[in-house]
């Protein structure tokens, strides 16, 4: 890996984080002065009289979310001193955005009107769309190295083109984004392929593990210290059932996390999100049971969908959704909409032609889906 100072945009090296009232004097300082029974905070220009709903949101939250990070470290089996390797964002989209801000120089227009190309990212379509959207917002060049697809019906339908990715790297390439398990193909990429990319690239590799709870293989997180150029993204939106909270996690070397904390908004995670997440993270048995239920329902759907006429292929899944190829995907999608069942039409996405993406629902929802699909006049393949 190139030194962090060489990878970062030059002006980022000199940025000093905003010094908020709660960063200068955290509310947790009361623990260091136990002889003080109460503290009077007159430093942050808050409304000391409270809020109209009376739920205690009139004070600014911890800007670094330390109580939540400590609990995350516990459930992720990280040592207590590893909270410095955790960044929390407004969904995983925030660290994606901040990483581009920190590392990628944008393309600019010269006075002549010609474009002077800036830094690049590499993505592996079909994949999560926000990598490309964020790059477009920051005017960062996107290099696309499509996945390899087997069409013989065997396992391993979608895989990383490792040689193609490494050959696509140029001196301007700053970040490679890998989504594993991948969205929308639902499969986990081979560990060896990911390690080859991390080892063969001297920039930042972002491994998006939003769906890792549903995969049989382990996360890369226990081996984070072995890969100083690796950033792992995870989320509370899927297995933890907290999509509306918009809380994402990034795990990386402490130097990278310090950069993200420097350039983030001072209070990017509100207090209700922090408190709700901390409370939820003490229900680990619930999490385990729900993941098991989703895996059982995923298998139920795979078996039942394979029985239907008009279904060309049900792809293997390591996620909480299934990619299904139909003889006429658009007709099936529209027929389901008429029955108030909404799936995701991916038939226009390269390598996913003729495919719908189906999220695993409750048993009742899955039974209804299978039943309604059976009522649709599907052409045979």
Protein backbone atom coordinates (compact mmCIF):
# COMPACT_ATOMS: atom_id res chain seq x y z
CA UNK A 1 0.00 0.00 0.00
CA UNK A 2 1.19 3.50 -0.79
CA UNK A 3 1.60 5.69 2.31
CA UNK A 4 -1.68 7.22 3.40
CA UNK A 5 -0.23 10.69 2.83
CA UNK A 6 0.43 9.78 -0.81
CA UNK A 7 -3.08 8.43 -1.37
CA UNK A 8 -4.99 11.32 0.21
CA UNK A 9 -5.89 14.47 -1.70
CA UNK A 10 -3.19 16.96 -0.76
CA UNK A 11 -5.47 19.54 0.84
CA UNK A 12 -7.08 16.89 3.07
CA UNK A 13 -3.75 16.48 4.88
CA UNK A 14 -4.12 19.99 6.29
CA UNK A 15 -7.81 19.89 7.19
CA UNK A 16 -8.54 20.29 10.88
CA UNK A 17 -11.84 18.81 12.09
CA UNK A 18 -14.55 21.13 13.33
CA UNK A 19 -14.20 21.49 17.08
CA UNK A 20 -17.69 21.06 18.47
CA UNK A 21 -18.70 21.72 22.05
CA UNK A 22 -19.14 18.01 22.74
CA UNK A 23 -15.81 17.12 21.21
CA UNK A 24 -14.06 19.66 23.45
CA UNK A 25 -15.94 18.53 26.54
CA UNK A 26 -17.73 15.20 26.09
CA UNK A 27 -20.69 14.55 28.37
CA UNK A 28 -18.84 11.42 29.50
CA UNK A 29 -16.37 13.63 31.38
CA UNK A 30 -18.71 13.32 34.37
CA UNK A 31 -17.25 9.84 34.85
CA UNK A 32 -13.86 11.42 35.46
CA UNK A 33 -15.25 13.73 38.14
CA UNK A 34 -17.47 11.47 40.28
CA UNK A 35 -17.62 14.02 43.10
CA UNK A 36 -19.78 16.18 40.82
CA UNK A 37 -23.35 14.98 41.02
CA UNK A 38 -24.63 17.09 38.15
CA UNK A 39 -23.20 19.19 35.37
CA UNK A 40 -24.47 22.42 33.91
CA UNK A 41 -23.81 22.60 30.19
CA UNK A 42 -23.82 26.18 28.95
CA UNK A 43 -21.27 25.72 26.18
CA UNK A 44 -23.17 24.51 23.08
CA UNK A 45 -25.97 27.07 22.62
CA UNK A 46 -28.57 24.33 23.09
CA UNK A 47 -32.09 24.93 24.33
CA UNK A 48 -31.77 24.17 28.04
CA UNK A 49 -35.57 24.08 28.48
CA UNK A 50 -35.93 20.87 26.50
CA UNK A 51 -37.90 19.83 23.43
CA UNK A 52 -41.67 19.85 22.84
CA UNK A 53 -41.92 16.06 22.78
CA UNK A 54 -40.00 15.71 26.02
CA UNK A 55 -37.78 12.85 24.87
CA UNK A 56 -34.44 14.42 25.67
CA UNK A 57 -33.23 15.43 22.25
CA UNK A 58 -32.32 19.01 23.17
CA UNK A 59 -28.65 18.16 23.82
CA UNK A 60 -26.11 17.39 21.13
CA UNK A 61 -25.07 13.72 20.91
CA UNK A 62 -21.60 12.25 21.26
CA UNK A 63 -19.95 13.20 17.94
CA UNK A 64 -17.86 10.00 17.95
CA UNK A 65 -20.61 7.67 19.25
CA UNK A 66 -18.22 5.97 21.69
CA UNK A 67 -20.83 4.03 23.70
CA UNK A 68 -22.25 2.55 20.51
CA UNK A 69 -18.78 1.77 19.14
CA UNK A 70 -17.87 -0.06 22.34
CA UNK A 71 -20.96 -2.25 22.00
CA UNK A 72 -20.19 -2.87 18.31
CA UNK A 73 -16.64 -3.88 19.26
CA UNK A 74 -18.09 -6.39 21.74
CA UNK A 75 -20.45 -8.08 19.29
CA UNK A 76 -17.83 -8.07 16.52
CA UNK A 77 -15.27 -9.64 18.88
CA UNK A 78 -12.92 -6.68 18.62
CA UNK A 79 -10.80 -5.74 21.60
CA UNK A 80 -11.86 -2.68 23.57
CA UNK A 81 -8.92 -0.68 22.21
CA UNK A 82 -10.08 -1.23 18.61
CA UNK A 83 -12.89 1.34 18.65
CA UNK A 84 -10.50 3.56 16.70
CA UNK A 85 -10.95 1.21 13.74
CA UNK A 86 -14.73 1.89 13.60
CA UNK A 87 -16.49 4.69 11.75
CA UNK A 88 -20.26 5.15 11.91
CA UNK A 89 -22.13 6.86 9.12
CA UNK A 90 -25.57 7.81 7.90
CA UNK A 91 -25.97 4.44 6.19
CA UNK A 92 -23.02 2.91 4.37
CA UNK A 93 -23.54 5.62 1.77
CA UNK A 94 -21.84 8.20 4.00
CA UNK A 95 -18.47 6.41 4.28
CA UNK A 96 -18.63 5.67 0.53
CA UNK A 97 -19.05 9.41 -0.10
CA UNK A 98 -16.39 10.42 2.42
CA UNK A 99 -13.83 7.97 1.02
CA UNK A 100 -14.17 9.56 -2.40
CA UNK A 101 -13.92 13.04 -0.91
CA UNK A 102 -10.76 12.07 0.94
CA UNK A 103 -8.88 10.10 -1.71
CA UNK A 104 -10.12 11.03 -5.19
CA UNK A 105 -9.19 14.23 -7.00
CA UNK A 106 -12.12 15.21 -9.27
CA UNK A 107 -11.85 15.81 -12.97
CA UNK A 108 -11.81 19.53 -13.82
CA UNK A 109 -12.39 21.68 -16.87
CA UNK A 110 -9.48 23.67 -18.21
CA UNK A 111 -10.04 27.27 -19.41
CA UNK A 112 -10.02 25.84 -22.95
CA UNK A 113 -13.04 23.75 -22.09
CA UNK A 114 -11.12 20.51 -22.22
CA UNK A 115 -11.56 18.13 -19.30
CA UNK A 116 -8.53 17.25 -17.23
CA UNK A 117 -9.19 13.79 -15.85
CA UNK A 118 -8.82 13.26 -12.14
CA UNK A 119 -8.58 10.10 -10.09
CA UNK A 120 -10.38 6.84 -10.76
CA UNK A 121 -12.32 4.17 -8.97
CA UNK A 122 -12.90 0.62 -10.21
CA UNK A 123 -16.27 -1.09 -9.85
CA UNK A 124 -17.42 -4.55 -10.92
CA UNK A 125 -20.88 -4.34 -12.51
CA UNK A 126 -23.47 -5.50 -11.88
CA UNK A 127 -23.02 -4.16 -8.35
CA UNK A 128 -24.40 -1.68 -5.82
CA UNK A 129 -25.30 1.49 -7.69
CA UNK A 130 -24.21 4.07 -5.10
CA UNK A 131 -20.52 3.62 -5.87
CA UNK A 132 -21.10 5.03 -9.34
CA UNK A 133 -23.58 7.67 -8.18
CA UNK A 134 -21.14 8.97 -5.57
CA UNK A 135 -18.36 9.03 -8.15
CA UNK A 136 -20.57 11.05 -10.51
CA UNK A 137 -21.35 13.55 -7.75
CA UNK A 138 -17.63 14.05 -7.10
CA UNK A 139 -16.72 13.97 -10.82
CA UNK A 140 -14.48 10.96 -10.30
CA UNK A 141 -13.66 8.69 -13.24
CA UNK A 142 -15.32 5.25 -13.09
CA UNK A 143 -13.61 2.23 -14.61
CA UNK A 144 -15.94 -0.75 -15.01
CA UNK A 145 -14.60 -4.31 -15.00
CA UNK A 146 -17.69 -6.51 -15.35
CA UNK A 147 -18.10 -9.71 -13.43
CA UNK A 148 -17.49 -12.98 -15.23
CA UNK A 149 -20.71 -14.93 -15.75
CA UNK A 150 -21.01 -18.63 -16.38
CA UNK A 151 -24.08 -19.53 -18.41
CA UNK A 152 -23.81 -23.32 -18.14
CA UNK A 153 -26.12 -23.50 -15.10
CA UNK A 154 -23.38 -24.59 -12.72
CA UNK A 155 -22.45 -22.99 -9.41
CA UNK A 156 -20.25 -19.90 -9.37
CA UNK A 157 -22.35 -18.08 -11.94
CA UNK A 158 -20.83 -14.68 -11.14
CA UNK A 159 -17.18 -14.16 -10.22
CA UNK A 160 -14.55 -11.43 -10.05
CA UNK A 161 -12.32 -10.89 -13.05
CA UNK A 162 -9.23 -10.55 -10.89
CA UNK A 163 -6.76 -10.26 -13.75
CA UNK A 164 -9.00 -7.74 -15.50
CA UNK A 165 -9.31 -5.63 -12.35
CA UNK A 166 -5.58 -5.54 -11.67
CA UNK A 167 -4.82 -4.81 -15.34
CA UNK A 168 -7.29 -1.90 -15.26
CA UNK A 169 -5.36 -0.18 -12.45
CA UNK A 170 -3.59 3.01 -13.52
CA UNK A 171 -1.51 5.54 -11.52
CA UNK A 172 -4.76 7.50 -11.02
CA UNK A 173 -6.69 4.55 -9.52
CA UNK A 174 -7.37 5.28 -5.86
CA UNK A 175 -10.21 2.93 -4.80
CA UNK A 176 -11.52 -0.48 -5.87
CA UNK A 177 -15.07 -1.28 -4.70
CA UNK A 178 -16.06 -4.92 -4.16
CA UNK A 179 -19.49 -5.96 -2.89
CA UNK A 180 -19.50 -9.44 -1.33
CA UNK A 181 -22.12 -10.90 -1.08
CA UNK A 182 -22.86 -8.94 -4.21
CA UNK A 183 -25.97 -6.94 -4.96
CA UNK A 184 -27.84 -7.85 -7.21
CA UNK A 185 -26.28 -11.27 -7.92
CA UNK A 186 -26.50 -12.41 -4.25
CA UNK A 187 -23.28 -14.43 -4.27
CA UNK A 188 -20.20 -14.27 -2.11
CA UNK A 189 -16.97 -13.87 -4.04
CA UNK A 190 -14.10 -16.29 -3.54
CA UNK A 191 -11.89 -15.28 -0.64
CA UNK A 192 -8.73 -15.95 -2.61
CA UNK A 193 -9.90 -13.63 -5.40
CA UNK A 194 -10.53 -10.79 -2.93
CA UNK A 195 -7.16 -11.31 -1.25
CA UNK A 196 -5.39 -11.24 -4.62
CA UNK A 197 -6.96 -7.86 -5.38
CA UNK A 198 -6.06 -6.45 -1.95
CA UNK A 199 -2.48 -7.69 -2.24
CA UNK A 200 -2.08 -6.62 -5.86
CA UNK A 201 -3.32 -3.04 -5.46
CA UNK A 202 -1.47 -0.29 -3.60
CA UNK A 203 -4.57 1.90 -3.11
CA UNK A 204 -7.74 1.46 -1.06
CA UNK A 205 -9.94 -1.63 -1.43
CA UNK A 206 -13.49 -1.18 -0.12
CA UNK A 207 -15.20 -4.49 0.68
CA UNK A 208 -18.93 -3.97 1.12
CA UNK A 209 -20.25 -6.72 3.39
CA UNK A 210 -23.81 -5.45 3.83
CA UNK A 211 -25.17 -9.00 3.46
CA UNK A 212 -22.41 -10.93 5.24
CA UNK A 213 -24.71 -12.11 8.06
CA UNK A 214 -26.50 -14.38 5.58
CA UNK A 215 -23.35 -15.97 4.12
CA UNK A 216 -21.84 -19.27 5.20
CA UNK A 217 -18.31 -17.88 5.13
CA UNK A 218 -16.83 -15.51 7.68
CA UNK A 219 -16.38 -11.77 7.28
CA UNK A 220 -12.94 -10.34 6.56
CA UNK A 221 -13.26 -8.34 9.79
CA UNK A 222 -11.21 -10.69 12.02
CA UNK A 223 -8.31 -10.25 9.58
CA UNK A 224 -8.60 -6.48 9.14
CA UNK A 225 -5.20 -5.85 10.76
CA UNK A 226 -3.57 -7.96 8.04
CA UNK A 227 -4.75 -5.59 5.30
CA UNK A 228 -3.88 -1.90 5.98
CA UNK A 229 -5.47 -0.81 2.68
CA UNK A 230 -8.79 -2.55 3.35
CA UNK A 231 -12.02 -0.78 4.33
CA UNK A 232 -14.91 -3.07 5.31
CA UNK A 233 -18.47 -1.76 5.13
CA UNK A 234 -21.30 -3.34 7.12
CA UNK A 235 -24.80 -2.19 8.01
CA UNK A 236 -27.66 -2.41 10.48
CA UNK A 237 -30.22 -2.28 7.67
CA UNK A 238 -30.37 -5.98 6.82
CA UNK A 239 -29.89 -8.67 9.48
CA UNK A 240 -30.49 -6.24 12.38
CA UNK A 241 -33.75 -4.98 10.85
CA UNK A 242 -33.00 -1.27 11.32
CA UNK A 243 -33.07 0.08 7.76
CA UNK A 244 -34.98 3.21 8.79
CA UNK A 245 -32.24 4.21 11.26
CA UNK A 246 -29.75 4.72 8.41
CA UNK A 247 -26.74 3.47 10.33
CA UNK A 248 -23.73 2.05 8.54
CA UNK A 249 -20.31 0.92 9.73
CA UNK A 250 -16.86 1.19 8.22
CA UNK A 251 -13.91 -0.72 9.68
CA UNK A 252 -10.37 0.17 8.68
CA UNK A 253 -6.89 1.04 9.86
CA UNK A 254 -6.99 3.80 12.48
CA UNK A 255 -5.26 6.23 10.12
CA UNK A 256 -8.08 5.91 7.58
CA UNK A 257 -10.75 6.20 10.29
CA UNK A 258 -9.12 9.39 11.60
CA UNK A 259 -9.42 10.91 8.14
CA UNK A 260 -13.13 10.02 7.93
CA UNK A 261 -13.74 11.51 11.39
CA UNK A 262 -11.92 14.67 10.33
CA UNK A 263 -14.08 15.36 7.29
CA UNK A 264 -17.48 14.10 8.49
CA UNK A 265 -20.17 16.48 9.77
CA UNK A 266 -19.66 16.96 13.53
CA UNK A 267 -22.89 15.29 14.66
CA UNK A 268 -23.59 12.86 11.81
CA UNK A 269 -25.38 10.21 13.96
CA UNK A 270 -28.29 11.53 16.00
CA UNK A 271 -28.94 10.51 19.59
CA UNK A 272 -32.12 8.53 18.84
CA UNK A 273 -30.22 6.39 16.34
CA UNK A 274 -27.37 5.85 18.80
CA UNK A 275 -29.63 4.88 21.68
CA UNK A 276 -31.89 2.67 19.57
CA UNK A 277 -28.92 0.83 18.09
CA UNK A 278 -27.26 0.29 21.49
CA UNK A 279 -30.50 -1.15 22.87
CA UNK A 280 -30.96 -3.43 19.85
CA UNK A 281 -27.41 -4.75 20.03
CA UNK A 282 -28.14 -6.38 23.39
CA UNK A 283 -30.67 -8.65 21.64
CA UNK A 284 -28.10 -10.92 20.01
CA UNK A 285 -30.31 -14.00 20.44
CA UNK A 286 -33.06 -12.24 18.46
CA UNK A 287 -30.54 -11.44 15.74
CA UNK A 288 -29.38 -15.05 15.57
CA UNK A 289 -32.96 -16.37 15.40
CA UNK A 290 -34.00 -13.89 12.70
CA UNK A 291 -31.00 -14.71 10.53
CA UNK A 292 -31.82 -18.42 10.87
CA UNK A 293 -35.45 -17.73 9.92
CA UNK A 294 -34.38 -15.77 6.84
CA UNK A 295 -32.03 -18.58 5.79
CA UNK A 296 -34.84 -21.13 6.15
CA UNK A 297 -37.21 -18.96 4.14
CA UNK A 298 -34.53 -18.38 1.51
CA UNK A 299 -34.21 -22.12 1.02
CA UNK A 300 -38.00 -22.48 0.90
CA UNK A 301 -38.20 -19.88 -1.85
CA UNK A 302 -35.35 -21.40 -3.85
CA UNK A 303 -37.03 -24.82 -3.83
CA UNK A 304 -40.51 -23.50 -4.65
CA UNK A 305 -39.40 -21.08 -7.36
CA UNK A 306 -37.53 -23.84 -9.17
CA UNK A 307 -40.81 -25.71 -9.58
CA UNK A 308 -42.52 -22.91 -11.52
CA UNK A 309 -42.89 -22.80 -15.27
CA UNK A 310 -41.30 -19.74 -16.79
CA UNK A 311 -38.46 -19.80 -14.30
CA UNK A 312 -35.24 -20.32 -16.21
CA UNK A 313 -32.87 -20.26 -13.26
CA UNK A 314 -32.74 -19.54 -9.55
CA UNK A 315 -29.23 -18.37 -8.75
CA UNK A 316 -27.48 -19.47 -5.53
CA UNK A 317 -27.76 -16.88 -2.77
CA UNK A 318 -25.55 -15.82 0.14
CA UNK A 319 -27.80 -12.84 0.91
CA UNK A 320 -31.36 -12.11 2.06
CA UNK A 321 -32.56 -11.99 -1.53
CA UNK A 322 -32.56 -14.22 -4.59
CA UNK A 323 -31.85 -13.43 -8.24
CA UNK A 324 -34.30 -15.29 -10.48
CA UNK A 325 -34.19 -15.54 -14.27
CA UNK A 326 -37.57 -15.75 -16.05
CA UNK A 327 -38.50 -16.33 -19.67
CA UNK A 328 -40.31 -12.96 -19.58
CA UNK A 329 -39.18 -11.06 -16.50
CA UNK A 330 -40.92 -7.80 -17.33
CA UNK A 331 -44.29 -9.48 -17.82
CA UNK A 332 -43.90 -11.29 -14.50
CA UNK A 333 -42.92 -8.06 -12.75
CA UNK A 334 -45.94 -6.19 -14.08
CA UNK A 335 -48.28 -9.06 -13.23
CA UNK A 336 -46.99 -9.09 -9.65
CA UNK A 337 -47.46 -5.33 -9.36
CA UNK A 338 -51.11 -5.82 -10.30
CA UNK A 339 -51.35 -8.20 -7.35
CA UNK A 340 -49.62 -5.65 -5.04
CA UNK A 341 -46.45 -7.72 -4.78
CA UNK A 342 -43.37 -5.63 -5.49
CA UNK A 343 -40.06 -7.21 -6.45
CA UNK A 344 -37.09 -5.50 -8.16
CA UNK A 345 -36.80 -5.64 -11.93
CA UNK A 346 -33.13 -6.14 -12.79
CA UNK A 347 -33.77 -7.35 -16.34
CA UNK A 348 -32.23 -4.19 -17.82
CA UNK A 349 -28.95 -4.62 -15.93
CA UNK A 350 -26.00 -6.06 -17.83
CA UNK A 351 -25.42 -9.75 -17.04
CA UNK A 352 -28.79 -9.86 -15.25
CA UNK A 353 -30.92 -9.89 -18.40
CA UNK A 354 -34.29 -11.49 -17.75
CA UNK A 355 -33.86 -11.39 -13.98
CA UNK A 356 -35.94 -10.22 -11.05
CA UNK A 357 -34.50 -9.71 -7.58
CA UNK A 358 -36.72 -11.13 -4.86
CA UNK A 359 -36.21 -10.23 -1.20
CA UNK A 360 -36.84 -13.03 1.27
CA UNK A 361 -40.04 -12.16 3.15
CA UNK A 362 -41.94 -13.73 6.01
CA UNK A 363 -43.28 -17.25 5.46
CA UNK A 364 -46.75 -15.86 4.75
CA UNK A 365 -45.35 -13.37 2.22
CA UNK A 366 -43.27 -16.05 0.53
CA UNK A 367 -46.22 -18.43 0.27
CA UNK A 368 -48.29 -15.64 -1.29
CA UNK A 369 -45.54 -14.84 -3.79
CA UNK A 370 -45.21 -18.48 -4.88
CA UNK A 371 -48.98 -18.86 -5.10
CA UNK A 372 -49.44 -15.73 -7.22
CA UNK A 373 -46.55 -16.68 -9.50
CA UNK A 374 -48.29 -20.00 -10.02
CA UNK A 375 -51.40 -18.15 -11.16
CA UNK A 376 -49.55 -16.06 -13.72
CA UNK A 377 -49.60 -17.50 -17.23
CA UNK A 378 -45.85 -17.98 -17.58
CA UNK A 379 -44.41 -19.17 -20.85
CA UNK A 380 -42.27 -22.30 -20.59
CA UNK A 381 -38.56 -21.99 -21.26
